[in-house]
Amino acid sequence: MSEPDRKADPKLLEILVCPLTKGPLRYDAAAQELISERAGLAYPIRDGIPIMLADEARSLEDDAPGS
């Protein structure tokens, strides 16, 4: 199997918002992350479960050129 055994539930992803900004999230299937552009954070999805904790999120500044 080339895909992970557990995928995030699409219906769940539709209703989730960023816990910090309450803004929309973009699903990045390749990275298994939920991206909050407003907060500049990427929340991981582990075993199909979104981890919606700022402490667990990756800063999008890490992806910025020159960082």
Protein backbone atom coordinates (compact mmCIF):
# COMPACT_ATOMS: atom_id res chain seq x y z
CA MET A 1 0.00 0.00 0.00
CA SER A 2 1.52 3.32 -1.03
CA GLU A 3 -0.82 5.54 0.99
CA PRO A 4 -0.96 5.65 4.78
CA ASP A 5 -3.48 3.21 6.22
CA ARG A 6 -5.25 6.01 8.07
CA LYS A 7 -6.38 9.11 6.23
CA ALA A 8 -7.95 12.17 7.78
CA ASP A 9 -11.75 12.21 7.59
CA PRO A 10 -12.72 14.73 4.87
CA LYS A 11 -15.90 15.74 6.72
CA LEU A 12 -13.88 16.47 9.85
CA LEU A 13 -11.38 18.54 7.88
CA GLU A 14 -14.23 20.68 6.51
CA ILE A 15 -15.35 21.81 9.98
CA LEU A 16 -11.97 22.30 11.66
CA VAL A 17 -10.61 25.82 12.12
CA CYS A 18 -7.34 27.11 13.51
CA PRO A 19 -7.56 27.10 17.33
CA LEU A 20 -5.63 30.39 17.52
CA THR A 21 -7.25 32.49 14.78
CA LYS A 22 -10.52 30.58 14.26
CA GLY A 23 -9.67 30.97 10.57
CA PRO A 24 -9.80 28.39 7.77
CA LEU A 25 -7.29 25.59 7.34
CA ARG A 26 -5.85 24.20 4.12
CA TYR A 27 -5.27 20.45 3.95
CA ASP A 28 -1.86 19.41 2.64
CA ALA A 29 -2.31 15.72 1.87
CA ALA A 30 1.33 15.16 0.87
CA ALA A 31 2.68 16.52 4.16
CA GLN A 32 -0.30 15.30 6.23
CA GLU A 33 -0.77 18.76 7.74
CA LEU A 34 -3.47 21.37 8.18
CA ILE A 35 -2.12 24.79 7.26
CA SER A 36 -3.25 28.01 8.94
CA GLU A 37 -1.97 30.85 6.74
CA ARG A 38 -3.18 33.47 9.26
CA ALA A 39 -1.34 31.91 12.22
CA GLY A 40 1.64 30.84 10.12
CA LEU A 41 1.37 27.30 11.50
CA ALA A 42 1.07 23.79 10.12
CA TYR A 43 -0.78 21.36 12.38
CA PRO A 44 0.26 17.71 11.94
CA ILE A 45 -2.10 14.84 11.20
CA ARG A 46 -0.96 11.64 12.89
CA ASP A 47 -2.64 8.31 12.23
CA GLY A 48 -5.55 10.19 10.66
CA ILE A 49 -6.02 12.45 13.71
CA PRO A 50 -5.40 16.21 13.40
CA ILE A 51 -3.28 17.45 16.31
CA MET A 52 -4.75 20.92 16.88
CA LEU A 53 -2.26 22.14 19.49
CA ALA A 54 -0.09 25.18 18.83
CA ASP A 55 2.74 23.50 20.76
CA GLU A 56 2.70 20.62 18.26
CA ALA A 57 2.42 22.82 15.16
CA ARG A 58 5.30 23.63 12.83
CA SER A 59 6.00 27.27 12.01
CA LEU A 60 5.55 28.12 8.33
CA GLU A 61 8.46 30.55 8.71
CA ASP A 62 10.67 27.44 8.63
CA ASP A 63 9.69 27.11 4.94
CA ALA A 64 10.42 30.74 4.08
CA PRO A 65 13.45 31.45 1.92
CA GLY A 66 16.41 32.67 3.95
CA SER A 67 15.16 31.26 7.25
